[in-house]
Protein backbone atom coordinates (compact mmCIF):
# COMPACT_ATOMS: atom_id res chain seq x y z
CA UNK A 1 121.87 137.69 17.40
CA UNK A 2 119.74 140.29 19.27
CA UNK A 3 117.11 137.36 19.94
CA UNK A 4 120.01 135.22 21.25
CA UNK A 5 121.16 137.84 23.70
CA UNK A 6 117.74 138.40 24.81
CA UNK A 7 117.29 134.71 25.63
CA UNK A 8 120.55 134.72 27.65
CA UNK A 9 119.34 137.62 29.67
CA UNK A 10 116.02 136.16 30.54
CA UNK A 11 117.43 133.87 33.50
CA UNK A 12 119.10 136.90 34.93
CA UNK A 13 116.02 138.91 34.84
CA UNK A 14 113.80 136.18 36.41
CA UNK A 15 116.16 135.79 39.31
CA UNK A 16 117.07 139.64 39.90
CA UNK A 17 115.25 141.15 42.85
CA UNK A 18 115.53 144.81 43.80
CA UNK A 19 114.19 145.58 47.26
CA UNK A 20 113.63 148.62 49.58
CA UNK A 21 114.68 148.69 52.99
CA UNK A 22 111.12 147.95 54.40
CA UNK A 23 110.85 145.10 52.17
CA UNK A 24 114.14 143.66 53.15
CA UNK A 25 113.26 144.14 56.73
CA UNK A 26 109.92 142.41 56.49
CA UNK A 27 111.80 139.49 54.77
CA UNK A 28 114.30 139.26 57.75
CA UNK A 29 111.51 139.40 60.31
CA UNK A 30 109.80 136.53 58.68
CA UNK A 31 112.74 134.45 57.54
CA UNK A 32 115.65 135.14 59.83
CA UNK A 33 116.73 131.84 61.53
CA UNK A 34 118.46 133.46 64.52
CA UNK A 35 115.28 135.50 65.39
CA UNK A 36 113.20 132.20 65.00
CA UNK A 37 115.54 130.57 67.60
CA UNK A 38 115.27 133.55 70.04
CA UNK A 39 111.35 133.35 69.61
CA UNK A 40 111.51 129.85 71.20
CA UNK A 41 112.86 131.38 74.36
CA UNK A 42 109.25 132.83 74.96
CA UNK A 43 107.84 129.36 74.21
CA UNK A 44 110.33 127.90 76.75
CA UNK A 45 109.01 130.45 79.33
CA UNK A 46 105.48 129.58 78.67
CA UNK A 47 106.13 125.97 79.18
CA UNK A 48 107.89 126.59 82.43
CA UNK A 49 104.71 128.39 83.74
CA UNK A 50 102.60 125.43 82.77
CA UNK A 51 105.26 123.13 84.64
CA UNK A 52 105.04 125.27 87.76
CA UNK A 53 101.14 125.07 87.77
CA UNK A 54 101.41 121.22 87.09
CA UNK A 55 103.19 120.74 90.35
CA UNK A 56 100.32 122.11 92.26
CA UNK A 57 97.84 119.63 90.54
CA UNK A 58 99.67 116.57 91.81
CA UNK A 59 100.57 113.50 90.11
CA UNK A 60 98.70 110.39 89.15
CA UNK A 61 100.56 107.28 88.39
CA UNK A 62 99.81 103.71 87.42
CA UNK A 63 102.21 101.19 88.68
CA UNK A 64 102.49 97.45 87.75
CA UNK A 65 105.19 95.39 89.78
CA UNK A 66 105.87 91.66 88.87
CA UNK A 67 107.97 89.72 91.14
CA UNK A 68 108.91 86.20 91.77
CA UNK A 69 110.55 85.11 94.93
CA UNK A 70 110.87 82.27 97.75
CA UNK A 71 111.98 84.73 100.49
CA UNK A 72 109.84 83.72 103.46
CA UNK A 73 108.94 87.25 104.40
CA UNK A 74 107.97 88.37 101.05
CA UNK A 75 105.81 85.50 100.21
CA UNK A 76 104.07 85.62 103.52
CA UNK A 77 103.66 89.39 102.93
CA UNK A 78 102.37 88.84 99.39
CA UNK A 79 99.74 86.22 100.63
CA UNK A 80 98.51 88.56 103.26
CA UNK A 81 98.26 91.66 100.64
CA UNK A 82 96.35 89.36 98.36
CA UNK A 83 94.32 87.88 101.31
CA UNK A 84 95.32 84.35 100.59
CA UNK A 85 97.16 83.54 103.94
CA UNK A 86 95.88 80.59 105.86
CA UNK A 87 96.91 78.77 109.07
CA UNK A 88 98.82 76.21 107.25
CA UNK A 89 101.17 79.04 106.02
CA UNK A 90 101.97 79.64 109.90
CA UNK A 91 102.89 75.82 110.34
CA UNK A 92 99.82 75.10 112.21
CA UNK A 93 99.43 71.80 110.89
CA UNK A 94 102.38 70.43 113.01
CA UNK A 95 101.02 72.22 115.96
CA UNK A 96 97.70 70.48 115.61
CA UNK A 97 99.35 67.13 115.19
CA UNK A 98 101.43 67.42 118.26
CA UNK A 99 98.61 68.74 120.44
CA UNK A 100 97.68 65.20 121.67
CA UNK A 101 101.30 64.73 122.98
CA UNK A 102 100.85 67.53 125.24
CA UNK A 103 97.79 66.13 126.82
CA UNK A 104 99.18 62.40 127.02
CA UNK A 105 101.26 62.78 130.23
CA UNK A 106 103.12 59.60 129.31
CA UNK A 107 104.74 61.21 126.30
CA UNK A 108 107.97 63.37 126.65
CA UNK A 109 106.76 66.06 124.37
CA UNK A 110 106.68 69.30 126.36
CA UNK A 111 105.19 72.79 125.65
CA UNK A 112 108.81 74.20 125.12
CA UNK A 113 109.48 71.47 122.44
CA UNK A 114 106.39 72.36 120.58
CA UNK A 115 106.98 76.15 120.67
CA UNK A 116 110.62 75.56 119.71
CA UNK A 117 109.56 73.74 116.54
CA UNK A 118 110.38 75.61 113.10
CA UNK A 119 107.53 74.93 110.84
CA UNK A 120 108.74 74.12 107.15
CA UNK A 121 105.63 75.72 105.56
CA UNK A 122 106.39 79.08 107.13
CA UNK A 123 110.19 79.06 106.72
CA UNK A 124 110.57 77.57 103.35
CA UNK A 125 107.49 78.41 101.45
CA UNK A 126 107.48 77.61 97.49
CA UNK A 127 108.27 80.46 95.07
CA UNK A 128 105.61 82.83 94.43
CA UNK A 129 104.77 85.12 91.47
CA UNK A 130 103.18 88.26 92.57
CA UNK A 131 101.32 90.98 90.57
CA UNK A 132 101.03 94.29 92.24
CA UNK A 133 98.67 96.55 90.31
CA UNK A 134 97.98 100.07 91.64
CA UNK A 135 97.14 103.69 90.88
CA UNK A 136 98.88 106.44 92.95
CA UNK A 137 97.95 110.01 93.30
CA UNK A 138 100.11 112.50 95.23
CA UNK A 139 99.72 116.16 95.55
CA UNK A 140 101.16 119.03 97.75
CA UNK A 141 98.73 120.44 100.24
CA UNK A 142 100.92 123.18 101.72
CA UNK A 143 104.46 124.04 100.66
CA UNK A 144 104.82 127.40 102.35
CA UNK A 145 104.17 129.25 99.31
CA UNK A 146 106.96 127.83 97.25
CA UNK A 147 104.57 126.70 94.29
CA UNK A 148 102.76 130.11 94.16
CA UNK A 149 106.35 131.82 94.13
CA UNK A 150 107.41 129.56 91.26
CA UNK A 151 104.49 130.35 89.27
CA UNK A 152 104.90 134.15 89.90
CA UNK A 153 108.53 133.71 88.86
CA UNK A 154 107.61 131.95 85.71
CA UNK A 155 104.97 134.78 84.76
CA UNK A 156 107.59 137.31 85.33
CA UNK A 157 110.00 135.52 82.94
CA UNK A 158 107.48 135.23 80.32
CA UNK A 159 107.11 138.96 80.38
CA UNK A 160 110.87 139.24 80.40
CA UNK A 161 111.39 136.88 77.39
CA UNK A 162 108.74 138.65 75.30
CA UNK A 163 110.43 142.00 75.90
CA UNK A 164 113.73 140.48 75.01
CA UNK A 165 112.31 139.08 71.82
CA UNK A 166 110.84 142.43 70.84
CA UNK A 167 114.12 144.08 71.60
CA UNK A 168 116.00 141.44 69.41
CA UNK A 169 113.35 142.08 66.51
CA UNK A 170 114.21 145.86 66.69
CA UNK A 171 117.89 145.17 66.85
CA UNK A 172 117.69 143.02 63.66
CA UNK A 173 116.46 146.11 62.03
CA UNK A 174 119.71 148.01 62.49
CA UNK A 175 121.58 145.04 61.07
CA UNK A 176 119.48 144.86 57.93
CA UNK A 177 119.80 148.70 57.83
CA UNK A 178 123.82 148.39 57.84
CA UNK A 179 123.66 145.74 54.95
CA UNK A 180 121.13 147.62 52.96
CA UNK A 181 122.59 151.25 53.20
CA UNK A 182 126.00 149.62 52.91
CA UNK A 183 124.83 148.29 49.63
CA UNK A 184 123.47 151.68 48.49
CA UNK A 185 126.79 153.34 49.66
CA UNK A 186 128.84 150.96 47.58
CA UNK A 187 126.59 151.63 44.64
CA UNK A 188 127.25 155.47 45.02
CA UNK A 189 131.09 154.71 45.27
CA UNK A 190 130.87 152.60 42.12
CA UNK A 191 129.06 155.53 40.40
CA UNK A 192 131.37 158.01 41.77
CA UNK A 193 134.63 155.96 40.62
CA UNK A 194 133.04 155.22 37.27
CA UNK A 195 132.45 159.02 36.69
CA UNK A 196 136.04 159.60 37.83
CA UNK A 197 137.19 157.16 35.42
CA UNK A 198 135.28 158.91 32.59
CA UNK A 199 137.05 162.29 33.78
CA UNK A 200 140.49 160.62 33.82
CA UNK A 201 140.13 159.10 30.34
CA UNK A 202 139.19 162.52 29.25
CA UNK A 203 142.51 163.74 30.73
CA UNK A 204 144.44 161.22 28.92
CA UNK A 205 142.84 162.30 25.74
CA UNK A 206 143.50 166.06 26.49
CA UNK A 207 147.10 165.57 27.51
CA UNK A 208 147.68 163.46 24.29
CA UNK A 209 146.27 166.15 22.09
CA UNK A 210 148.29 168.88 24.07
CA UNK A 211 151.35 166.71 23.58
CA UNK A 212 150.94 166.59 19.97
CA UNK A 213 150.68 170.29 19.72
CA UNK A 214 153.78 170.67 22.03
CA UNK A 215 151.72 172.28 24.88
CA UNK A 216 152.21 169.48 27.33
CA UNK A 217 154.75 167.02 28.42
CA UNK A 218 154.82 163.30 27.79
CA UNK A 219 154.83 163.13 31.68
CA UNK A 220 151.26 164.40 31.67
CA UNK A 221 150.19 161.52 29.55
CA UNK A 222 151.72 159.06 31.93
CA UNK A 223 150.31 160.69 34.91
CA UNK A 224 146.82 160.67 33.51
CA UNK A 225 147.03 157.02 32.59
CA UNK A 226 148.17 156.12 35.90
CA UNK A 227 145.34 157.92 37.43
CA UNK A 228 143.01 155.77 35.03
CA UNK A 229 144.69 152.52 36.29
CA UNK A 230 144.18 153.80 39.97
CA UNK A 231 140.53 154.49 39.51
CA UNK A 232 139.88 151.15 37.78
CA UNK A 233 141.13 149.41 41.09
CA UNK A 234 138.86 151.65 43.22
CA UNK A 235 136.00 150.48 41.02
CA UNK A 236 136.86 146.87 41.62
CA UNK A 237 137.02 147.52 45.38
CA UNK A 238 133.72 149.36 45.54
CA UNK A 239 132.12 146.48 43.49
CA UNK A 240 133.37 143.85 45.88
CA UNK A 241 132.07 145.85 48.79
CA UNK A 242 128.82 145.93 47.08
CA UNK A 243 128.73 142.25 46.58
CA UNK A 244 129.50 141.78 50.27
CA UNK A 245 126.79 144.04 51.40
CA UNK A 246 124.21 142.15 49.16
CA UNK A 247 125.50 138.85 50.48
CA UNK A 248 125.06 140.00 54.08
CA UNK A 249 121.56 141.33 53.24
CA UNK A 250 120.80 137.95 51.77
CA UNK A 251 121.92 136.14 54.82
CA UNK A 252 119.94 138.28 57.11
CA UNK A 253 116.71 138.02 55.03
CA UNK A 254 117.33 134.23 54.07
CA UNK A 255 116.57 135.48 50.33
CA UNK A 256 119.27 134.70 47.99
CA UNK A 257 117.35 136.13 44.97
CA UNK A 258 118.08 139.81 46.17
CA UNK A 259 120.59 141.39 43.74
CA UNK A 260 120.06 145.15 44.17
CA UNK A 261 118.70 147.91 46.51
CA UNK A 262 116.98 151.15 46.16
CA UNK A 263 117.99 154.44 47.61
CA UNK A 264 119.17 155.27 51.32
CA UNK A 265 116.66 154.47 54.13
CA UNK A 266 116.68 157.39 56.79
CA UNK A 267 114.72 157.91 59.88
CA UNK A 268 113.95 161.49 60.91
CA UNK A 269 113.85 162.13 64.72
CA UNK A 270 111.03 163.91 66.25
CA UNK A 271 111.04 167.73 65.78
CA UNK A 272 112.43 168.56 69.28
CA UNK A 273 115.80 169.68 70.66
CA UNK A 274 114.78 168.35 74.13
CA UNK A 275 117.29 165.82 75.09
CA UNK A 276 115.47 165.14 78.33
CA UNK A 277 112.20 164.33 76.52
CA UNK A 278 114.08 161.58 74.30
CA UNK A 279 115.70 160.14 77.46
CA UNK A 280 112.35 159.97 79.32
CA UNK A 281 110.71 158.21 76.19
CA UNK A 282 113.55 155.79 76.12
CA UNK A 283 112.94 154.71 79.74
CA UNK A 284 109.18 154.39 79.07
CA UNK A 285 109.37 152.48 75.93
CA UNK A 286 112.80 150.58 75.72
CA UNK A 287 112.12 146.76 75.57
CA UNK A 288 115.46 145.72 76.95
CA UNK A 289 114.68 148.11 79.96
CA UNK A 290 111.44 146.33 80.49
CA UNK A 291 113.33 142.93 80.21
CA UNK A 292 115.69 143.87 82.91
CA UNK A 293 112.91 145.10 85.06
CA UNK A 294 111.11 141.78 84.99
CA UNK A 295 114.38 140.07 85.66
CA UNK A 296 114.86 142.10 88.75
CA UNK A 297 111.37 141.49 89.91
CA UNK A 298 111.97 137.73 89.32
CA UNK A 299 115.06 137.84 91.54
CA UNK A 300 113.20 139.64 94.19
CA UNK A 301 110.41 136.98 94.19
CA UNK A 302 113.14 134.41 94.31
CA UNK A 303 113.87 135.43 97.95
CA UNK A 304 110.40 134.40 98.87
CA UNK A 305 110.87 131.11 96.97
CA UNK A 306 114.15 130.20 98.79
CA UNK A 307 112.72 131.24 102.27
CA UNK A 308 109.70 129.04 101.92
CA UNK A 309 112.17 126.06 102.18
CA UNK A 310 112.01 126.61 105.94
CA UNK A 311 108.21 126.13 106.19
CA UNK A 312 106.69 122.51 106.68
CA UNK A 313 105.57 120.52 103.79
CA UNK A 314 102.30 118.86 103.80
CA UNK A 315 101.50 116.24 101.28
CA UNK A 316 98.63 114.02 100.40
CA UNK A 317 99.19 110.29 99.15
CA UNK A 318 96.22 108.10 97.98
CA UNK A 319 96.66 104.66 96.28
CA UNK A 320 94.22 101.94 95.18
CA UNK A 321 95.40 98.69 93.92
CA UNK A 322 95.24 94.80 93.92
CA UNK A 323 97.72 92.05 94.71
CA UNK A 324 97.46 88.48 93.24
CA UNK A 325 99.47 85.66 91.86
CA UNK A 326 98.24 86.45 88.42
CA UNK A 327 97.36 89.70 86.64
CA UNK A 328 94.07 90.62 87.97
CA UNK A 329 91.78 93.59 89.08
CA UNK A 330 89.65 91.38 91.47
CA UNK A 331 87.82 93.47 93.79
CA UNK A 332 88.23 90.48 96.30
CA UNK A 333 91.95 91.39 96.44
CA UNK A 334 91.91 95.06 96.27
CA UNK A 335 93.01 97.74 98.85
CA UNK A 336 93.18 101.47 99.36
CA UNK A 337 95.40 103.67 101.28
CA UNK A 338 95.06 107.26 102.08
CA UNK A 339 97.71 109.31 103.91
CA UNK A 340 98.64 112.75 104.80
CA UNK A 341 102.34 113.45 105.49
CA UNK A 342 104.20 116.30 107.28
CA UNK A 343 107.83 117.09 106.61
CA UNK A 344 109.49 119.67 108.53
CA UNK A 345 113.23 120.29 108.58
CA UNK A 346 114.49 121.19 111.99
CA UNK A 347 118.03 121.52 111.20
CA UNK A 348 120.02 121.30 107.88
CA UNK A 349 123.42 123.06 108.67
CA UNK A 350 121.89 126.27 107.70
CA UNK A 351 121.68 125.52 104.00
CA UNK A 352 118.18 126.87 103.56
CA UNK A 353 119.25 130.21 105.22
CA UNK A 354 122.34 130.31 103.01
CA UNK A 355 120.22 129.84 99.91
CA UNK A 356 118.04 132.70 100.99
CA UNK A 357 120.95 134.93 101.46
CA UNK A 358 122.43 134.05 98.08
CA UNK A 359 118.93 135.09 96.50
CA UNK A 360 119.16 138.32 98.36
CA UNK A 361 122.50 139.00 97.07
CA UNK A 362 121.47 137.99 93.43
CA UNK A 363 118.54 140.45 93.84
CA UNK A 364 120.72 143.31 94.79
CA UNK A 365 123.30 142.42 92.03
CA UNK A 366 120.53 142.57 89.35
CA UNK A 367 119.04 145.75 90.96
CA UNK A 368 122.44 147.34 90.48
CA UNK A 369 122.59 146.26 86.95
CA UNK A 370 119.10 147.59 86.40
CA UNK A 371 120.00 151.11 87.74
CA UNK A 372 123.25 150.90 85.76
CA UNK A 373 121.22 150.17 82.64
CA UNK A 374 118.97 153.19 83.09
CA UNK A 375 122.24 155.45 83.21
CA UNK A 376 123.67 153.71 80.12
CA UNK A 377 120.35 154.26 78.25
CA UNK A 378 120.50 158.04 79.03
CA UNK A 379 124.14 157.98 77.85
CA UNK A 380 123.32 156.26 74.66
CA UNK A 381 120.40 158.45 73.86
CA UNK A 382 122.52 161.55 74.43
CA UNK A 383 125.39 160.05 72.26
CA UNK A 384 123.08 159.36 69.29
CA UNK A 385 121.10 162.62 69.67
CA UNK A 386 124.41 164.83 69.60
CA UNK A 387 125.83 162.87 66.76
CA UNK A 388 122.64 163.07 64.74
CA UNK A 389 122.48 167.02 65.39
CA UNK A 390 126.08 167.29 64.38
CA UNK A 391 125.93 165.02 61.27
CA UNK A 392 123.02 166.93 59.99
CA UNK A 393 124.75 170.14 60.34
CA UNK A 394 128.03 169.23 58.82
CA UNK A 395 126.37 167.12 56.06
CA UNK A 396 125.19 170.29 54.26
CA UNK A 397 128.54 171.91 54.71
CA UNK A 398 130.31 168.86 53.18
CA UNK A 399 127.79 169.00 50.15
CA UNK A 400 128.76 172.65 49.61
CA UNK A 401 132.57 171.70 49.87
CA UNK A 402 131.88 168.80 47.22
CA UNK A 403 130.20 171.56 44.89
CA UNK A 404 133.18 173.81 45.33
CA UNK A 405 135.71 170.81 44.65
CA UNK A 406 133.79 170.02 41.31
CA UNK A 407 133.68 173.69 40.36
CA UNK A 408 137.49 173.91 41.03
CA UNK A 409 138.29 170.83 39.04
CA UNK A 410 136.15 172.17 36.03
CA UNK A 411 137.95 175.57 36.15
CA UNK A 412 141.42 173.91 36.43
CA UNK A 413 140.64 171.43 33.58
CA UNK A 414 139.40 174.43 31.48
CA UNK A 415 142.85 176.18 32.21
CA UNK A 416 144.76 172.99 31.37
CA UNK A 417 142.95 172.56 28.27
CA UNK A 418 143.91 175.95 27.05
CA UNK A 419 147.36 175.49 28.37
CA UNK A 420 149.06 177.88 25.95
CA UNK A 421 151.54 179.04 28.23
CA UNK A 422 151.93 175.93 30.48
CA UNK A 423 149.98 177.73 33.28
CA UNK A 424 149.39 174.37 35.02
CA UNK A 425 150.27 170.67 34.53
CA UNK A 426 148.75 167.36 34.88
CA UNK A 427 149.68 166.71 38.49
CA UNK A 428 147.83 169.83 39.80
CA UNK A 429 144.79 168.85 37.68
CA UNK A 430 145.14 165.25 39.22
CA UNK A 431 145.34 166.79 42.65
CA UNK A 432 141.98 168.68 42.03
CA UNK A 433 140.46 165.37 40.85
CA UNK A 434 141.70 163.81 44.08
CA UNK A 435 140.20 166.80 46.10
CA UNK A 436 136.78 166.24 44.44
CA UNK A 437 136.79 162.54 44.92
CA UNK A 438 137.65 162.78 48.60
CA UNK A 439 134.82 165.48 48.99
CA UNK A 440 132.34 163.27 47.20
CA UNK A 441 133.37 160.23 49.23
CA UNK A 442 133.05 162.32 52.35
CA UNK A 443 129.40 163.22 51.43
CA UNK A 444 128.60 159.55 50.60
CA UNK A 445 130.12 158.31 53.85
CA UNK A 446 128.46 161.14 55.81
CA UNK A 447 125.17 160.21 54.49
CA UNK A 448 125.54 156.51 55.38
CA UNK A 449 126.73 157.50 58.73
CA UNK A 450 123.66 159.76 59.25
CA UNK A 451 121.25 157.04 58.40
CA UNK A 452 122.77 154.69 60.55
CA UNK A 453 122.86 157.23 63.51
CA UNK A 454 119.25 158.29 62.72
CA UNK A 455 118.29 154.62 63.02
CA UNK A 456 120.25 154.01 66.28
CA UNK A 457 118.56 157.10 67.74
CA UNK A 458 115.26 155.67 66.82
CA UNK A 459 116.08 152.45 68.56
CA UNK A 460 117.61 154.17 71.47
CA UNK A 461 114.22 155.86 72.40
CA UNK A 462 112.46 152.56 71.92
CA UNK A 463 111.03 152.71 68.56
CA UNK A 464 111.09 150.23 65.62
CA UNK A 465 112.54 150.71 62.35
CA UNK A 466 109.65 148.81 60.73
CA UNK A 467 106.80 150.79 59.37
CA UNK A 468 104.37 147.89 60.17
CA UNK A 469 104.88 148.26 64.08
């Protein structure tokens, strides 16, 4: 039987996994799908910079156009492009045939008749198939600084996205901590309620013995059993909360083998009571502040980007190719073309000016948000700083209150156990048990709150919760 139980327990042991907070955080940083998706924003920003640089390098294209037409103008143009046109295509054959009539005064042919003739070879050519093969290179020579501004904006956005990604990595740490320490807290509640169940079961036995000796009422037995039932419900609730916390931890880490956690993870603030120091550190190191700073600089650069629309644009166009009635690269039918173009907008209904004005407004709006963020960071640091100080001071007081509640329960139980003159009753004993549980629960919840506040303070001043960073 023992061997059978051992074999049944082996799968559970294989898949059971107990982690510390740092182990859970490392798993989350490596595996979290949302974080991986956010990392791609950095890659997109880098690709945008390459795109901006690419425009300044120009564009080289290969083009092949195949056409069939009997349109007189197109056919004649195609023959000229392929250097195949001859006098016959102009209808000169008829002109030559009739030249003798002009010289013979006896004929009625006149110069006007000859010039009015519509040559069939020119107006009704046969259908022609044409292959136009060419390579075209175009590049901007001057854009008023628009391409340079676009590259600077792209560089700033890379810095912004990298800062935002670093910030998101750190924020993932607090979510992992809430799940991890939430599981630790639930475990402590389970242990607390199980201990309370042991005490309540003991109350039932004590009340039963006293009742048999006519030193307690039957009501005491019922009340103690009711307490046992109520505590059993609390155990189930605490167990459910533990399972939910573990499930959330598994979700964040993408590791569904995690089944247990170790003790509380807590972060101690630097040994200083100088709030201003913390606030200054936050402004220097906060990644979201850097992110907003780079966004503000991007919007400032966008003003110059939009104003460059009002400058002239000079571009280069170069092409080399061939035209033939078949696919060919014959140098006898090749051509080249080089051109420099100037485009200058004289009037566009003030659209470019409006775009520039909108860019200025967007910059001012972003700048206001940037300044607002600074005030918000200072307020956030102050909030967590004061909360952490208060929680640290009150936690010790709550631990002392818990100790007193445990002592009072012990003394009350001793009095009840020696209840020779009905000096107390079960209701009063259960009240002391309730007081002890409330005090113990308050300590557990306060420890959890302090760990979260200590982590939030760590993040508020720009630090990471990972010991690897």
